[in-house]
Amino acid sequence: MVIDKSRIVEEIREKLRKVMDPEIGVNLVDGGFIRSIEVDDEGNVRIGLMLTTPYCPITYVLIASVEEAAKTVKGVKNVNVEIVGFGIPPELERIMEEKYREMLVALEEEKET
C-alpha cells in the first residue's frame, strides 16, 4: 500500500490548527509551535514541537493533544512528538505584534471619543 505522505502531513497540520495553547490563545500551527511534521513509508509520524520554556506546566497536555489529533488522520500508524526547542517562534511574535497594534489603535480611538 502506497502512502500519500503530503496528504497526511497537510491533514495533520489542519487537525493541529484545532489544538490551542491555552495560555496564549493561539493554535499550535499558526503560533509556530509545530516546527516539523514527517511521515515515513509505514505511516509513522514524527512531529517537532517547540515550547516557550522548558518549564512549561502544560507540556504533557500539549504533547497528548498533538498525538491525539494526529492519530485521527487516515494512514497514520504511530505518532512521536519530540520537543525540538524552546523560545518564542517568529510566527507568534508576528501575531503578538499585530494584536499589540490593534490594542494601540483601539486605545487611540477610545481617547478620541
N, C-alpha and C. Protein backbone atom coordinates (compact mmCIF):
# COMPACT_ATOMS: atom_id res chain seq x y z
N MET A 1 0.84 -1.19 0.00
CA MET A 1 0.00 0.00 0.00
C MET A 1 0.88 1.25 0.00
N VAL A 2 0.62 2.14 -0.93
CA VAL A 2 1.39 3.38 -1.04
C VAL A 2 0.73 4.45 -0.18
N ILE A 3 1.55 5.13 0.60
CA ILE A 3 1.05 6.18 1.50
C ILE A 3 1.29 7.54 0.86
N ASP A 4 0.26 8.36 0.83
CA ASP A 4 0.37 9.73 0.32
C ASP A 4 0.85 10.62 1.47
N LYS A 5 2.17 10.74 1.59
CA LYS A 5 2.76 11.46 2.72
C LYS A 5 2.36 12.93 2.75
N SER A 6 2.32 13.58 1.61
CA SER A 6 1.98 15.01 1.60
C SER A 6 0.54 15.23 2.05
N ARG A 7 -0.37 14.33 1.66
CA ARG A 7 -1.76 14.44 2.13
C ARG A 7 -1.83 14.28 3.64
N ILE A 8 -1.11 13.29 4.15
CA ILE A 8 -1.12 13.04 5.59
C ILE A 8 -0.57 14.25 6.35
N VAL A 9 0.53 14.81 5.87
CA VAL A 9 1.12 15.99 6.53
C VAL A 9 0.12 17.14 6.55
N GLU A 10 -0.53 17.40 5.42
CA GLU A 10 -1.49 18.51 5.36
C GLU A 10 -2.70 18.26 6.26
N GLU A 11 -3.18 17.03 6.29
CA GLU A 11 -4.32 16.72 7.15
C GLU A 11 -3.94 16.84 8.63
N ILE A 12 -2.75 16.41 8.97
CA ILE A 12 -2.28 16.56 10.35
C ILE A 12 -2.19 18.05 10.69
N ARG A 13 -1.62 18.83 9.79
CA ARG A 13 -1.50 20.27 10.03
C ARG A 13 -2.87 20.90 10.28
N GLU A 14 -3.88 20.49 9.49
CA GLU A 14 -5.23 21.03 9.68
C GLU A 14 -5.82 20.59 11.02
N LYS A 15 -5.60 19.34 11.40
CA LYS A 15 -6.09 18.87 12.71
C LYS A 15 -5.41 19.63 13.84
N LEU A 16 -4.11 19.92 13.69
CA LEU A 16 -3.37 20.61 14.74
C LEU A 16 -3.76 22.08 14.85
N ARG A 17 -4.41 22.63 13.83
CA ARG A 17 -4.91 24.01 13.92
C ARG A 17 -6.03 24.11 14.97
N LYS A 18 -6.58 22.99 15.36
CA LYS A 18 -7.63 22.98 16.38
C LYS A 18 -7.05 22.80 17.79
N VAL A 19 -5.74 22.56 17.88
CA VAL A 19 -5.09 22.39 19.18
C VAL A 19 -4.55 23.76 19.61
N MET A 20 -5.13 24.27 20.68
CA MET A 20 -4.78 25.62 21.14
C MET A 20 -3.81 25.58 22.31
N ASP A 21 -2.94 26.60 22.36
CA ASP A 21 -2.14 26.82 23.56
C ASP A 21 -3.05 27.63 24.48
N PRO A 22 -3.52 27.04 25.57
CA PRO A 22 -4.49 27.74 26.41
C PRO A 22 -3.94 28.97 27.12
N GLU A 23 -2.63 29.04 27.29
CA GLU A 23 -2.05 30.19 27.96
C GLU A 23 -1.93 31.39 27.03
N ILE A 24 -1.72 31.12 25.74
CA ILE A 24 -1.51 32.22 24.78
C ILE A 24 -2.75 32.48 23.93
N GLY A 25 -3.56 31.44 23.72
CA GLY A 25 -4.79 31.61 22.96
C GLY A 25 -4.64 31.54 21.45
N VAL A 26 -3.58 30.88 20.98
CA VAL A 26 -3.41 30.67 19.54
C VAL A 26 -3.21 29.18 19.30
N ASN A 27 -3.52 28.74 18.08
CA ASN A 27 -3.32 27.32 17.80
C ASN A 27 -1.84 27.04 17.57
N LEU A 28 -1.45 25.80 17.73
CA LEU A 28 -0.03 25.43 17.69
C LEU A 28 0.60 25.60 16.32
N VAL A 29 -0.19 25.49 15.26
CA VAL A 29 0.35 25.65 13.91
C VAL A 29 0.61 27.12 13.61
N ASP A 30 -0.43 27.95 13.71
CA ASP A 30 -0.28 29.37 13.38
C ASP A 30 0.67 30.07 14.34
N GLY A 31 0.76 29.58 15.58
CA GLY A 31 1.68 30.16 16.55
C GLY A 31 3.12 29.75 16.33
N GLY A 32 3.35 28.81 15.41
CA GLY A 32 4.71 28.40 15.08
C GLY A 32 5.30 27.34 16.01
N PHE A 33 4.47 26.76 16.86
CA PHE A 33 4.98 25.76 17.80
C PHE A 33 5.22 24.40 17.13
N ILE A 34 4.50 24.12 16.04
CA ILE A 34 4.75 22.90 15.27
C ILE A 34 5.85 23.23 14.28
N ARG A 35 7.04 22.72 14.53
CA ARG A 35 8.20 23.05 13.70
C ARG A 35 8.40 22.09 12.54
N SER A 36 7.90 20.86 12.68
CA SER A 36 8.05 19.89 11.58
C SER A 36 7.03 18.77 11.72
N ILE A 37 6.67 18.21 10.57
CA ILE A 37 5.83 17.02 10.53
C ILE A 37 6.44 16.11 9.47
N GLU A 38 6.84 14.92 9.87
CA GLU A 38 7.46 13.97 8.95
C GLU A 38 6.70 12.65 9.00
N VAL A 39 6.54 12.04 7.82
CA VAL A 39 5.84 10.76 7.72
C VAL A 39 6.73 9.79 6.97
N ASP A 40 6.89 8.57 7.51
CA ASP A 40 7.69 7.59 6.79
C ASP A 40 6.77 6.71 5.93
N ASP A 41 7.37 5.75 5.24
CA ASP A 41 6.62 4.90 4.30
C ASP A 41 5.59 3.99 4.97
N GLU A 42 5.73 3.77 6.28
CA GLU A 42 4.78 2.91 7.00
C GLU A 42 3.68 3.69 7.69
N GLY A 43 3.72 5.01 7.63
CA GLY A 43 2.69 5.82 8.29
C GLY A 43 3.06 6.25 9.70
N ASN A 44 4.32 6.07 10.05
CA ASN A 44 4.81 6.57 11.34
C ASN A 44 5.09 8.06 11.20
N VAL A 45 4.64 8.83 12.18
CA VAL A 45 4.73 10.29 12.11
C VAL A 45 5.62 10.80 13.23
N ARG A 46 6.48 11.74 12.87
CA ARG A 46 7.31 12.45 13.84
C ARG A 46 6.94 13.92 13.76
N ILE A 47 6.55 14.51 14.90
CA ILE A 47 6.17 15.92 14.94
C ILE A 47 7.14 16.65 15.87
N GLY A 48 7.75 17.69 15.35
CA GLY A 48 8.65 18.53 16.15
C GLY A 48 7.86 19.66 16.78
N LEU A 49 7.88 19.71 18.10
CA LEU A 49 7.10 20.70 18.86
C LEU A 49 8.04 21.62 19.61
N MET A 50 7.84 22.91 19.48
CA MET A 50 8.61 23.91 20.21
C MET A 50 7.77 24.41 21.38
N LEU A 51 8.41 24.63 22.51
CA LEU A 51 7.74 25.17 23.69
C LEU A 51 8.37 26.52 24.04
N THR A 52 7.62 27.36 24.71
CA THR A 52 8.16 28.68 25.08
C THR A 52 9.22 28.56 26.16
N THR A 53 9.12 27.54 27.02
CA THR A 53 10.06 27.39 28.12
C THR A 53 10.20 25.91 28.49
N PRO A 54 11.36 25.49 28.95
CA PRO A 54 11.50 24.10 29.38
C PRO A 54 10.67 23.79 30.63
N TYR A 55 10.18 24.82 31.28
CA TYR A 55 9.38 24.64 32.50
C TYR A 55 7.89 24.77 32.24
N CYS A 56 7.49 24.62 30.99
CA CYS A 56 6.08 24.74 30.62
C CYS A 56 5.23 23.78 31.44
N PRO A 57 4.25 24.30 32.19
CA PRO A 57 3.46 23.43 33.07
C PRO A 57 2.47 22.54 32.32
N ILE A 58 2.25 22.81 31.05
CA ILE A 58 1.27 22.00 30.30
C ILE A 58 1.94 21.19 29.18
N THR A 59 3.23 20.93 29.32
CA THR A 59 3.96 20.17 28.30
C THR A 59 3.25 18.87 27.95
N TYR A 60 2.92 18.08 28.96
CA TYR A 60 2.33 16.76 28.70
C TYR A 60 0.93 16.87 28.10
N VAL A 61 0.20 17.90 28.47
CA VAL A 61 -1.12 18.13 27.88
C VAL A 61 -0.98 18.46 26.40
N LEU A 62 -0.03 19.33 26.06
CA LEU A 62 0.19 19.69 24.66
C LEU A 62 0.63 18.48 23.84
N ILE A 63 1.57 17.71 24.38
CA ILE A 63 2.05 16.51 23.66
C ILE A 63 0.89 15.54 23.43
N ALA A 64 0.11 15.27 24.46
CA ALA A 64 -1.03 14.35 24.33
C ALA A 64 -2.05 14.87 23.32
N SER A 65 -2.30 16.18 23.31
CA SER A 65 -3.26 16.77 22.38
C SER A 65 -2.76 16.66 20.94
N VAL A 66 -1.47 16.88 20.73
CA VAL A 66 -0.88 16.76 19.40
C VAL A 66 -0.96 15.31 18.92
N GLU A 67 -0.58 14.38 19.78
CA GLU A 67 -0.64 12.95 19.42
C GLU A 67 -2.07 12.53 19.07
N GLU A 68 -3.00 12.92 19.91
CA GLU A 68 -4.40 12.55 19.70
C GLU A 68 -4.93 13.10 18.38
N ALA A 69 -4.64 14.35 18.09
CA ALA A 69 -5.12 14.96 16.84
C ALA A 69 -4.50 14.27 15.63
N ALA A 70 -3.21 14.00 15.68
CA ALA A 70 -2.53 13.39 14.53
C ALA A 70 -3.02 11.96 14.28
N LYS A 71 -3.32 11.24 15.33
CA LYS A 71 -3.75 9.85 15.19
C LYS A 71 -5.11 9.72 14.51
N THR A 72 -5.87 10.81 14.43
CA THR A 72 -7.19 10.74 13.78
C THR A 72 -7.09 10.77 12.26
N VAL A 73 -5.91 11.06 11.72
CA VAL A 73 -5.74 11.15 10.27
C VAL A 73 -5.57 9.74 9.69
N LYS A 74 -6.32 9.46 8.65
CA LYS A 74 -6.26 8.16 7.98
C LYS A 74 -4.85 7.93 7.43
N GLY A 75 -4.32 6.74 7.71
CA GLY A 75 -2.99 6.38 7.23
C GLY A 75 -1.90 6.55 8.27
N VAL A 76 -2.23 7.19 9.40
CA VAL A 76 -1.25 7.37 10.47
C VAL A 76 -1.25 6.12 11.35
N LYS A 77 -0.05 5.55 11.50
CA LYS A 77 0.09 4.33 12.30
C LYS A 77 0.53 4.66 13.73
N ASN A 78 1.61 5.40 13.87
CA ASN A 78 2.15 5.81 15.17
C ASN A 78 2.53 7.27 15.12
N VAL A 79 2.50 7.93 16.28
CA VAL A 79 2.88 9.35 16.36
C VAL A 79 3.91 9.50 17.47
N ASN A 80 4.99 10.19 17.14
CA ASN A 80 6.03 10.51 18.11
C ASN A 80 6.21 12.03 18.11
N VAL A 81 5.93 12.65 19.24
CA VAL A 81 6.11 14.10 19.38
C VAL A 81 7.42 14.33 20.11
N GLU A 82 8.28 15.14 19.49
CA GLU A 82 9.58 15.46 20.09
C GLU A 82 9.67 16.95 20.35
N ILE A 83 10.17 17.30 21.52
CA ILE A 83 10.43 18.71 21.83
C ILE A 83 11.71 19.08 21.09
N VAL A 84 11.63 20.08 20.22
CA VAL A 84 12.78 20.44 19.37
C VAL A 84 13.40 21.79 19.74
N GLY A 85 12.87 22.43 20.75
CA GLY A 85 13.47 23.70 21.16
C GLY A 85 12.55 24.48 22.07
N PHE A 86 13.11 25.59 22.55
CA PHE A 86 12.38 26.46 23.47
C PHE A 86 12.55 27.90 23.02
N GLY A 87 11.51 28.70 23.23
CA GLY A 87 11.58 30.11 22.88
C GLY A 87 10.27 30.58 22.27
N ILE A 88 10.31 31.78 21.75
CA ILE A 88 9.14 32.38 21.10
C ILE A 88 9.31 32.22 19.59
N PRO A 89 8.45 31.43 18.95
CA PRO A 89 8.56 31.27 17.50
C PRO A 89 8.31 32.60 16.78
N PRO A 90 8.98 32.83 15.64
CA PRO A 90 8.78 34.07 14.88
C PRO A 90 7.31 34.29 14.50
N GLU A 91 6.60 33.20 14.21
CA GLU A 91 5.18 33.31 13.85
C GLU A 91 4.38 33.90 15.00
N LEU A 92 4.70 33.49 16.22
CA LEU A 92 3.99 34.01 17.39
C LEU A 92 4.34 35.47 17.62
N GLU A 93 5.59 35.84 17.38
CA GLU A 93 5.98 37.25 17.52
C GLU A 93 5.14 38.13 16.59
N ARG A 94 4.94 37.68 15.35
CA ARG A 94 4.14 38.46 14.40
C ARG A 94 2.69 38.58 14.87
N ILE A 95 2.13 37.48 15.37
CA ILE A 95 0.75 37.51 15.86
C ILE A 95 0.63 38.49 17.02
N MET A 96 1.57 38.44 17.94
CA MET A 96 1.52 39.31 19.11
C MET A 96 1.72 40.78 18.72
N GLU A 97 2.59 41.04 17.75
CA GLU A 97 2.77 42.41 17.26
C GLU A 97 1.47 42.95 16.66
N GLU A 98 0.79 42.12 15.88
CA GLU A 98 -0.49 42.54 15.29
C GLU A 98 -1.52 42.85 16.37
N LYS A 99 -1.61 41.97 17.38
CA LYS A 99 -2.56 42.20 18.47
C LYS A 99 -2.20 43.47 19.24
N TYR A 100 -0.93 43.72 19.43
CA TYR A 100 -0.48 44.92 20.13
C TYR A 100 -0.88 46.18 19.35
N ARG A 101 -0.65 46.14 18.02
CA ARG A 101 -1.04 47.27 17.18
C ARG A 101 -2.55 47.52 17.25
N GLU A 102 -3.33 46.45 17.21
CA GLU A 102 -4.78 46.57 17.30
C GLU A 102 -5.19 47.21 18.62
N MET A 103 -4.52 46.82 19.69
CA MET A 103 -4.81 47.40 21.01
C MET A 103 -4.48 48.89 21.03
N LEU A 104 -3.36 49.27 20.41
CA LEU A 104 -2.98 50.68 20.37
C LEU A 104 -4.00 51.50 19.59
N VAL A 105 -4.44 50.97 18.46
CA VAL A 105 -5.45 51.66 17.66
C VAL A 105 -6.73 51.82 18.46
N ALA A 106 -7.15 50.77 19.15
CA ALA A 106 -8.37 50.83 19.96
C ALA A 106 -8.23 51.86 21.08
N LEU A 107 -7.07 51.93 21.69
CA LEU A 107 -6.83 52.92 22.75
C LEU A 107 -6.90 54.35 22.20
N GLU A 108 -6.31 54.54 21.04
CA GLU A 108 -6.34 55.87 20.41
C GLU A 108 -7.77 56.26 20.05
N GLU A 109 -8.54 55.31 19.53
CA GLU A 109 -9.94 55.61 19.19
C GLU A 109 -10.74 55.90 20.46
N GLU A 110 -10.45 55.22 21.52
CA GLU A 110 -11.14 55.45 22.79
C GLU A 110 -10.84 56.85 23.34
N LYS A 111 -9.60 57.28 23.16
CA LYS A 111 -9.20 58.61 23.62
C LYS A 111 -9.95 59.71 22.86
N GLU A 112 -10.21 59.45 21.57
CA GLU A 112 -10.85 60.45 20.72
C GLU A 112 -12.33 60.61 21.02
N THR A 113 -12.94 59.63 21.67
CA THR A 113 -14.37 59.73 21.96
C THR A 113 -14.66 60.33 23.29
